[in-house]
Full PDB file with SEQRES, HELIX, SHEET, SSBOND, CRYST1, ORIGX, SCALE, CONECT and MASTER records, all heavy atoms in Angstrom:
SEQRES   1 A   32  LYS ALA THR VAL ASP ASP PHE HIS ARG LEU GLY ILE THR          
SEQRES   2 A   32  ARG VAL GLU GLN LEU VAL GLY LYS GLU ALA ALA VAL LEU          
SEQRES   3 A   32  LEU SER ARG LEU GLN SER                                      
HELIX    1 AA1 ALA A    2  ARG A    9  1                                   8    
HELIX    2 AA2 VAL A   15  GLN A   17  5                                   3    
HELIX    3 AA3 ALA A   23  GLN A   31  1                                   9    
CRYST1    1.000    1.000    1.000  90.00  90.00  90.00 P 1           1          
ORIGX1      1.000000  0.000000  0.000000        0.00000                         
ORIGX2      0.000000  1.000000  0.000000        0.00000                         
ORIGX3      0.000000  0.000000  1.000000        0.00000                         
SCALE1      1.000000  0.000000  0.000000        0.00000                         
SCALE2      0.000000  1.000000  0.000000        0.00000                         
SCALE3      0.000000  0.000000  1.000000        0.00000                         
ATOM      1  N   LYS A   1      84.123 124.210  88.224  1.00  0.00           N  
ATOM      2  CA  LYS A   1      83.306 123.395  87.277  1.00  0.00           C  
ATOM      3  C   LYS A   1      84.095 122.093  86.864  1.00  0.00           C  
ATOM      4  O   LYS A   1      83.360 121.089  86.685  1.00  0.00           O  
ATOM      5  CB  LYS A   1      83.003 124.305  86.136  1.00  0.00           C  
ATOM      6  CG  LYS A   1      82.052 123.531  85.109  1.00  0.00           C  
ATOM      7  CD  LYS A   1      81.849 124.459  83.899  1.00  0.00           C  
ATOM      8  CE  LYS A   1      80.909 123.682  82.829  1.00  0.00           C  
ATOM      9  NZ  LYS A   1      80.972 122.234  82.755  1.00  0.00           N  
ATOM     10  N   ALA A   2      85.229 122.234  86.632  1.00  0.00           N  
ATOM     11  CA  ALA A   2      86.065 121.020  86.130  1.00  0.00           C  
ATOM     12  C   ALA A   2      86.063 119.853  87.235  1.00  0.00           C  
ATOM     13  O   ALA A   2      85.906 118.687  86.899  1.00  0.00           O  
ATOM     14  CB  ALA A   2      87.509 121.353  85.815  1.00  0.00           C  
ATOM     15  N   THR A   3      86.148 120.264  88.492  1.00  0.00           N  
ATOM     16  CA  THR A   3      86.113 119.262  89.539  1.00  0.00           C  
ATOM     17  C   THR A   3      84.680 118.710  89.717  1.00  0.00           C  
ATOM     18  O   THR A   3      84.495 117.519  89.870  1.00  0.00           O  
ATOM     19  CB  THR A   3      86.505 119.974  90.878  1.00  0.00           C  
ATOM     20  OG1 THR A   3      87.901 120.479  90.767  1.00  0.00           O  
ATOM     21  CG2 THR A   3      86.548 118.875  91.997  1.00  0.00           C  
ATOM     22  N   VAL A   4      83.661 119.466  89.569  1.00  0.00           N  
ATOM     23  CA  VAL A   4      82.278 119.105  89.615  1.00  0.00           C  
ATOM     24  C   VAL A   4      82.121 118.055  88.509  1.00  0.00           C  
ATOM     25  O   VAL A   4      81.563 116.938  88.656  1.00  0.00           O  
ATOM     26  CB  VAL A   4      81.282 120.264  89.524  1.00  0.00           C  
ATOM     27  CG1 VAL A   4      79.902 119.681  89.253  1.00  0.00           C  
ATOM     28  CG2 VAL A   4      81.416 121.029  90.726  1.00  0.00           C  
ATOM     29  N   ASP A   5      82.611 118.332  87.238  1.00  0.00           N  
ATOM     30  CA  ASP A   5      82.498 117.391  86.176  1.00  0.00           C  
ATOM     31  C   ASP A   5      83.287 116.062  86.519  1.00  0.00           C  
ATOM     32  O   ASP A   5      82.701 114.943  86.254  1.00  0.00           O  
ATOM     33  CB  ASP A   5      83.200 117.965  84.923  1.00  0.00           C  
ATOM     34  CG  ASP A   5      82.275 119.186  84.351  1.00  0.00           C  
ATOM     35  OD1 ASP A   5      81.204 119.313  84.698  1.00  0.00           O  
ATOM     36  OD2 ASP A   5      82.856 119.913  83.477  1.00  0.00           O  
ATOM     37  N   ASP A   6      84.320 116.168  87.187  1.00  0.00           N  
ATOM     38  CA  ASP A   6      85.164 114.958  87.497  1.00  0.00           C  
ATOM     39  C   ASP A   6      84.342 114.161  88.559  1.00  0.00           C  
ATOM     40  O   ASP A   6      84.197 112.963  88.422  1.00  0.00           O  
ATOM     41  CB  ASP A   6      86.468 115.272  88.101  1.00  0.00           C  
ATOM     42  CG  ASP A   6      87.551 115.860  86.979  1.00  0.00           C  
ATOM     43  OD1 ASP A   6      87.315 115.450  85.820  1.00  0.00           O  
ATOM     44  OD2 ASP A   6      88.495 116.507  87.436  1.00  0.00           O  
ATOM     45  N   PHE A   7      83.708 114.836  89.478  1.00  0.00           N  
ATOM     46  CA  PHE A   7      82.979 114.128  90.457  1.00  0.00           C  
ATOM     47  C   PHE A   7      81.794 113.427  89.807  1.00  0.00           C  
ATOM     48  O   PHE A   7      81.416 112.324  90.120  1.00  0.00           O  
ATOM     49  CB  PHE A   7      82.400 115.090  91.618  1.00  0.00           C  
ATOM     50  CG  PHE A   7      83.437 115.463  92.693  1.00  0.00           C  
ATOM     51  CD1 PHE A   7      83.406 116.728  93.308  1.00  0.00           C  
ATOM     52  CD2 PHE A   7      84.298 114.601  93.153  1.00  0.00           C  
ATOM     53  CE1 PHE A   7      84.262 117.103  94.213  1.00  0.00           C  
ATOM     54  CE2 PHE A   7      85.335 115.016  94.088  1.00  0.00           C  
ATOM     55  CZ  PHE A   7      85.171 116.169  94.710  1.00  0.00           C  
ATOM     56  N   HIS A   8      81.111 114.121  88.859  1.00  0.00           N  
ATOM     57  CA  HIS A   8      80.036 113.493  88.166  1.00  0.00           C  
ATOM     58  C   HIS A   8      80.523 112.212  87.383  1.00  0.00           C  
ATOM     59  O   HIS A   8      79.781 111.215  87.381  1.00  0.00           O  
ATOM     60  CB  HIS A   8      79.345 114.423  87.208  1.00  0.00           C  
ATOM     61  CG  HIS A   8      78.620 115.532  87.858  1.00  0.00           C  
ATOM     62  ND1 HIS A   8      77.864 116.519  87.250  1.00  0.00           N  
ATOM     63  CD2 HIS A   8      78.284 115.736  89.176  1.00  0.00           C  
ATOM     64  CE1 HIS A   8      77.240 117.294  88.139  1.00  0.00           C  
ATOM     65  NE2 HIS A   8      77.448 116.821  89.253  1.00  0.00           N  
ATOM     66  N   ARG A   9      81.716 112.224  86.866  1.00  0.00           N  
ATOM     67  CA  ARG A   9      82.210 111.093  86.161  1.00  0.00           C  
ATOM     68  C   ARG A   9      82.417 109.980  87.141  1.00  0.00           C  
ATOM     69  O   ARG A   9      82.330 108.724  86.792  1.00  0.00           O  
ATOM     70  CB  ARG A   9      83.643 111.400  85.491  1.00  0.00           C  
ATOM     71  CG  ARG A   9      83.559 112.055  84.218  1.00  0.00           C  
ATOM     72  CD  ARG A   9      84.976 112.278  83.629  1.00  0.00           C  
ATOM     73  NE  ARG A   9      84.921 113.133  82.563  1.00  0.00           N  
ATOM     74  CZ  ARG A   9      85.378 114.324  82.551  1.00  0.00           C  
ATOM     75  NH1 ARG A   9      85.836 114.862  83.661  1.00  0.00           N  
ATOM     76  NH2 ARG A   9      85.352 115.205  81.526  1.00  0.00           N  
ATOM     77  N   LEU A  10      82.673 110.298  88.388  1.00  0.00           N  
ATOM     78  CA  LEU A  10      82.881 109.364  89.399  1.00  0.00           C  
ATOM     79  C   LEU A  10      81.552 108.928  90.096  1.00  0.00           C  
ATOM     80  O   LEU A  10      81.455 108.049  91.050  1.00  0.00           O  
ATOM     81  CB  LEU A  10      83.823 109.914  90.514  1.00  0.00           C  
ATOM     82  CG  LEU A  10      85.295 110.066  90.001  1.00  0.00           C  
ATOM     83  CD1 LEU A  10      85.954 110.890  90.987  1.00  0.00           C  
ATOM     84  CD2 LEU A  10      85.951 108.704  89.956  1.00  0.00           C  
ATOM     85  N   GLY A  11      80.491 109.486  89.599  1.00  0.00           N  
ATOM     86  CA  GLY A  11      79.098 109.088  90.180  1.00  0.00           C  
ATOM     87  C   GLY A  11      78.785 109.901  91.433  1.00  0.00           C  
ATOM     88  O   GLY A  11      77.751 109.574  92.036  1.00  0.00           O  
ATOM     89  N   ILE A  12      79.504 110.963  91.662  1.00  0.00           N  
ATOM     90  CA  ILE A  12      79.228 111.741  92.862  1.00  0.00           C  
ATOM     91  C   ILE A  12      78.489 113.011  92.359  1.00  0.00           C  
ATOM     92  O   ILE A  12      79.109 113.835  91.586  1.00  0.00           O  
ATOM     93  CB  ILE A  12      80.561 112.074  93.594  1.00  0.00           C  
ATOM     94  CG1 ILE A  12      81.217 110.894  94.064  1.00  0.00           C  
ATOM     95  CG2 ILE A  12      80.214 113.139  94.720  1.00  0.00           C  
ATOM     96  CD1 ILE A  12      82.690 110.941  94.568  1.00  0.00           C  
ATOM     97  N   THR A  13      77.170 113.204  92.890  1.00  0.00           N  
ATOM     98  CA  THR A  13      76.458 114.347  92.469  1.00  0.00           C  
ATOM     99  C   THR A  13      76.003 115.198  93.529  1.00  0.00           C  
ATOM    100  O   THR A  13      75.439 116.254  93.351  1.00  0.00           O  
ATOM    101  CB  THR A  13      75.238 113.865  91.645  1.00  0.00           C  
ATOM    102  OG1 THR A  13      74.460 113.012  92.489  1.00  0.00           O  
ATOM    103  CG2 THR A  13      75.625 113.234  90.386  1.00  0.00           C  
ATOM    104  N   ARG A  14      76.301 114.748  94.856  1.00  0.00           N  
ATOM    105  CA  ARG A  14      75.927 115.457  95.965  1.00  0.00           C  
ATOM    106  C   ARG A  14      76.977 115.538  96.997  1.00  0.00           C  
ATOM    107  O   ARG A  14      77.794 114.595  97.138  1.00  0.00           O  
ATOM    108  CB  ARG A  14      74.626 114.788  96.631  1.00  0.00           C  
ATOM    109  CG  ARG A  14      73.290 114.748  95.752  1.00  0.00           C  
ATOM    110  CD  ARG A  14      72.169 114.082  96.426  1.00  0.00           C  
ATOM    111  NE  ARG A  14      72.444 113.014  97.364  1.00  0.00           N  
ATOM    112  CZ  ARG A  14      72.533 111.789  96.944  1.00  0.00           C  
ATOM    113  NH1 ARG A  14      72.382 111.358  95.737  1.00  0.00           N  
ATOM    114  NH2 ARG A  14      72.750 110.840  97.887  1.00  0.00           N  
ATOM    115  N   VAL A  15      77.028 116.554  97.796  1.00  0.00           N  
ATOM    116  CA  VAL A  15      78.094 116.677  98.820  1.00  0.00           C  
ATOM    117  C   VAL A  15      78.161 115.553  99.812  1.00  0.00           C  
ATOM    118  O   VAL A  15      79.265 115.025 100.099  1.00  0.00           O  
ATOM    119  CB  VAL A  15      77.927 118.039  99.567  1.00  0.00           C  
ATOM    120  CG1 VAL A  15      78.805 118.233 100.723  1.00  0.00           C  
ATOM    121  CG2 VAL A  15      78.071 119.188  98.677  1.00  0.00           C  
ATOM    122  N   GLU A  16      76.958 115.101 100.266  1.00  0.00           N  
ATOM    123  CA  GLU A  16      77.097 114.006 101.245  1.00  0.00           C  
ATOM    124  C   GLU A  16      77.635 112.731 100.644  1.00  0.00           C  
ATOM    125  O   GLU A  16      78.079 111.829 101.486  1.00  0.00           O  
ATOM    126  CB  GLU A  16      75.611 113.757 101.833  1.00  0.00           C  
ATOM    127  CG  GLU A  16      74.528 113.386 100.836  1.00  0.00           C  
ATOM    128  CD  GLU A  16      73.730 114.477 100.342  1.00  0.00           C  
ATOM    129  OE1 GLU A  16      74.217 115.710 100.393  1.00  0.00           O  
ATOM    130  OE2 GLU A  16      72.606 114.251  99.776  1.00  0.00           O  
ATOM    131  N   GLN A  17      77.719 112.589  99.364  1.00  0.00           N  
ATOM    132  CA  GLN A  17      78.325 111.388  98.778  1.00  0.00           C  
ATOM    133  C   GLN A  17      79.837 111.340  99.042  1.00  0.00           C  
ATOM    134  O   GLN A  17      80.514 110.303  98.847  1.00  0.00           O  
ATOM    135  CB  GLN A  17      78.003 111.254  97.300  1.00  0.00           C  
ATOM    136  CG  GLN A  17      76.547 110.922  97.107  1.00  0.00           C  
ATOM    137  CD  GLN A  17      76.220 110.922  95.581  1.00  0.00           C  
ATOM    138  OE1 GLN A  17      76.340 111.948  95.001  1.00  0.00           O  
ATOM    139  NE2 GLN A  17      75.872 109.803  95.088  1.00  0.00           N  
ATOM    140  N   LEU A  18      80.404 112.472  99.295  1.00  0.00           N  
ATOM    141  CA  LEU A  18      81.910 112.601  99.605  1.00  0.00           C  
ATOM    142  C   LEU A  18      82.289 112.061 100.915  1.00  0.00           C  
ATOM    143  O   LEU A  18      83.478 111.681 101.154  1.00  0.00           O  
ATOM    144  CB  LEU A  18      82.310 114.081  99.424  1.00  0.00           C  
ATOM    145  CG  LEU A  18      82.361 114.629  98.002  1.00  0.00           C  
ATOM    146  CD1 LEU A  18      82.540 116.091  98.102  1.00  0.00           C  
ATOM    147  CD2 LEU A  18      83.359 113.973  97.108  1.00  0.00           C  
ATOM    148  N   VAL A  19      81.374 112.128 101.856  1.00  0.00           N  
ATOM    149  CA  VAL A  19      81.633 111.524 103.202  1.00  0.00           C  
ATOM    150  C   VAL A  19      82.214 110.250 103.207  1.00  0.00           C  
ATOM    151  O   VAL A  19      81.669 109.228 102.657  1.00  0.00           O  
ATOM    152  CB  VAL A  19      80.425 111.711 104.115  1.00  0.00           C  
ATOM    153  CG1 VAL A  19      80.717 111.180 105.482  1.00  0.00           C  
ATOM    154  CG2 VAL A  19      80.058 113.128 104.211  1.00  0.00           C  
ATOM    155  N   GLY A  20      83.384 109.950 103.855  1.00  0.00           N  
ATOM    156  CA  GLY A  20      83.947 108.680 103.962  1.00  0.00           C  
ATOM    157  C   GLY A  20      84.833 108.197 102.736  1.00  0.00           C  
ATOM    158  O   GLY A  20      85.384 107.165 102.764  1.00  0.00           O  
ATOM    159  N   LYS A  21      84.858 109.051 101.700  1.00  0.00           N  
ATOM    160  CA  LYS A  21      85.641 108.748 100.553  1.00  0.00           C  
ATOM    161  C   LYS A  21      87.110 109.084 100.826  1.00  0.00           C  
ATOM    162  O   LYS A  21      87.458 109.822 101.727  1.00  0.00           O  
ATOM    163  CB  LYS A  21      85.204 109.588  99.406  1.00  0.00           C  
ATOM    164  CG  LYS A  21      83.789 109.306  98.991  1.00  0.00           C  
ATOM    165  CD  LYS A  21      83.665 107.988  98.267  1.00  0.00           C  
ATOM    166  CE  LYS A  21      82.315 107.770  97.464  1.00  0.00           C  
ATOM    167  NZ  LYS A  21      81.219 107.308  98.262  1.00  0.00           N  
ATOM    168  N   GLU A  22      87.982 108.424  99.977  1.00  0.00           N  
ATOM    169  CA  GLU A  22      89.465 108.598 100.055  1.00  0.00           C  
ATOM    170  C   GLU A  22      89.896 109.302  98.780  1.00  0.00           C  
ATOM    171  O   GLU A  22      89.637 108.779  97.734  1.00  0.00           O  
ATOM    172  CB  GLU A  22      90.202 107.367 100.225  1.00  0.00           C  
ATOM    173  CG  GLU A  22      89.951 106.620 101.634  1.00  0.00           C  
ATOM    174  CD  GLU A  22      90.731 105.442 101.867  1.00  0.00           C  
ATOM    175  OE1 GLU A  22      91.995 105.370 101.384  1.00  0.00           O  
ATOM    176  OE2 GLU A  22      90.272 104.520 102.480  1.00  0.00           O  
ATOM    177  N   ALA A  23      90.504 110.421  98.946  1.00  0.00           N  
ATOM    178  CA  ALA A  23      90.892 111.211  97.719  1.00  0.00           C  
ATOM    179  C   ALA A  23      91.890 110.463  96.819  1.00  0.00           C  
ATOM    180  O   ALA A  23      91.599 110.615  95.592  1.00  0.00           O  
ATOM    181  CB  ALA A  23      91.614 112.556  98.260  1.00  0.00           C  
ATOM    182  N   ALA A  24      92.782 109.676  97.338  1.00  0.00           N  
ATOM    183  CA  ALA A  24      93.670 108.972  96.473  1.00  0.00           C  
ATOM    184  C   ALA A  24      92.944 107.914  95.619  1.00  0.00           C  
ATOM    185  O   ALA A  24      93.320 107.666  94.455  1.00  0.00           O  
ATOM    186  CB  ALA A  24      94.759 108.345  97.307  1.00  0.00           C  
ATOM    187  N   VAL A  25      92.033 107.354  96.244  1.00  0.00           N  
ATOM    188  CA  VAL A  25      91.178 106.305  95.575  1.00  0.00           C  
ATOM    189  C   VAL A  25      90.315 106.911  94.454  1.00  0.00           C  
ATOM    190  O   VAL A  25      90.195 106.403  93.290  1.00  0.00           O  
ATOM    191  CB  VAL A  25      90.284 105.571  96.564  1.00  0.00           C  
ATOM    192  CG1 VAL A  25      89.227 104.633  95.839  1.00  0.00           C  
ATOM    193  CG2 VAL A  25      91.060 104.747  97.481  1.00  0.00           C  
ATOM    194  N   LEU A  26      89.736 108.134  94.767  1.00  0.00           N  
ATOM    195  CA  LEU A  26      88.909 108.850  93.727  1.00  0.00           C  
ATOM    196  C   LEU A  26      89.904 109.219  92.638  1.00  0.00           C  
ATOM    197  O   LEU A  26      89.467 109.049  91.413  1.00  0.00           O  
ATOM    198  CB  LEU A  26      88.297 110.089  94.301  1.00  0.00           C  
ATOM    199  CG  LEU A  26      87.158 109.792  95.355  1.00  0.00           C  
ATOM    200  CD1 LEU A  26      86.665 111.150  95.828  1.00  0.00           C  
ATOM    201  CD2 LEU A  26      86.097 108.995  94.779  1.00  0.00           C  
ATOM    202  N   LEU A  27      91.048 109.702  92.877  1.00  0.00           N  
ATOM    203  CA  LEU A  27      92.009 110.006  91.849  1.00  0.00           C  
ATOM    204  C   LEU A  27      92.320 108.853  90.977  1.00  0.00           C  
ATOM    205  O   LEU A  27      92.351 108.982  89.679  1.00  0.00           O  
ATOM    206  CB  LEU A  27      93.349 110.741  92.378  1.00  0.00           C  
ATOM    207  CG  LEU A  27      94.355 111.144  91.316  1.00  0.00           C  
ATOM    208  CD1 LEU A  27      93.769 112.262  90.377  1.00  0.00           C  
ATOM    209  CD2 LEU A  27      95.560 111.686  92.038  1.00  0.00           C  
ATOM    210  N   SER A  28      92.669 107.765  91.532  1.00  0.00           N  
ATOM    211  CA  SER A  28      92.943 106.562  90.802  1.00  0.00           C  
ATOM    212  C   SER A  28      91.771 106.137  89.925  1.00  0.00           C  
ATOM    213  O   SER A  28      92.038 105.792  88.654  1.00  0.00           O  
ATOM    214  CB  SER A  28      93.324 105.440  91.867  1.00  0.00           C  
ATOM    215  OG  SER A  28      93.637 104.273  91.102  1.00  0.00           O  
ATOM    216  N   ARG A  29      90.572 106.143  90.439  1.00  0.00           N  
ATOM    217  CA  ARG A  29      89.372 105.800  89.591  1.00  0.00           C  
ATOM    218  C   ARG A  29      89.299 106.792  88.447  1.00  0.00           C  
ATOM    219  O   ARG A  29      88.934 106.297  87.298  1.00  0.00           O  
ATOM    220  CB  ARG A  29      88.159 105.824  90.506  1.00  0.00           C  
ATOM    221  CG  ARG A  29      87.969 104.627  91.323  1.00  0.00           C  
ATOM    222  CD  ARG A  29      86.760 104.427  92.181  1.00  0.00           C  
ATOM    223  NE  ARG A  29      85.622 104.758  91.381  1.00  0.00           N  
ATOM    224  CZ  ARG A  29      84.605 105.541  91.808  1.00  0.00           C  
ATOM    225  NH1 ARG A  29      84.501 105.988  93.073  1.00  0.00           N  
ATOM    226  NH2 ARG A  29      83.487 105.627  91.043  1.00  0.00           N  
ATOM    227  N   LEU A  30      89.378 108.101  88.646  1.00  0.00           N  
ATOM    228  CA  LEU A  30      89.314 109.115  87.658  1.00  0.00           C  
ATOM    229  C   LEU A  30      90.314 108.912  86.621  1.00  0.00           C  
ATOM    230  O   LEU A  30      89.959 109.013  85.410  1.00  0.00           O  
ATOM    231  CB  LEU A  30      89.367 110.452  88.282  1.00  0.00           C  
ATOM    232  CG  LEU A  30      89.118 111.567  87.324  1.00  0.00           C  
ATOM    233  CD1 LEU A  30      87.722 111.637  86.710  1.00  0.00           C  
ATOM    234  CD2 LEU A  30      89.314 112.920  88.008  1.00  0.00           C  
ATOM    235  N   GLN A  31      91.550 108.514  86.971  1.00  0.00           N  
ATOM    236  CA  GLN A  31      92.643 108.280  85.922  1.00  0.00           C  
ATOM    237  C   GLN A  31      92.206 107.214  85.099  1.00  0.00           C  
ATOM    238  O   GLN A  31      92.433 107.168  83.853  1.00  0.00           O  
ATOM    239  CB  GLN A  31      93.998 108.125  86.579  1.00  0.00           C  
ATOM    240  CG  GLN A  31      94.472 109.341  87.333  1.00  0.00           C  
ATOM    241  CD  GLN A  31      95.828 109.190  87.939  1.00  0.00           C  
ATOM    242  OE1 GLN A  31      96.728 110.076  87.814  1.00  0.00           O  
ATOM    243  NE2 GLN A  31      96.100 108.123  88.685  1.00  0.00           N  
ATOM    244  N   SER A  32      91.683 106.034  85.647  1.00  0.00           N  
ATOM    245  CA  SER A  32      91.200 104.917  84.900  1.00  0.00           C  
ATOM    246  C   SER A  32      90.123 105.316  83.973  1.00  0.00           C  
ATOM    247  O   SER A  32      90.130 104.921  82.829  1.00  0.00           O  
ATOM    248  CB  SER A  32      90.766 103.822  85.818  1.00  0.00           C  
ATOM    249  OG  SER A  32      91.877 103.267  86.624  1.00  0.00           O  
TER     250      SER A  32                                                      
MASTER        0    0    0    3    0    0    0    6  249    1    0    3          
END                                                                             
């Protein structure tokens, strides 16, 4: 649930939106 919440903060609501993403970039954006 916490990761789903983090994905939602990042604007990711569907599995297919993860395709092509970079985990380090997502983490950096989430920290910001």
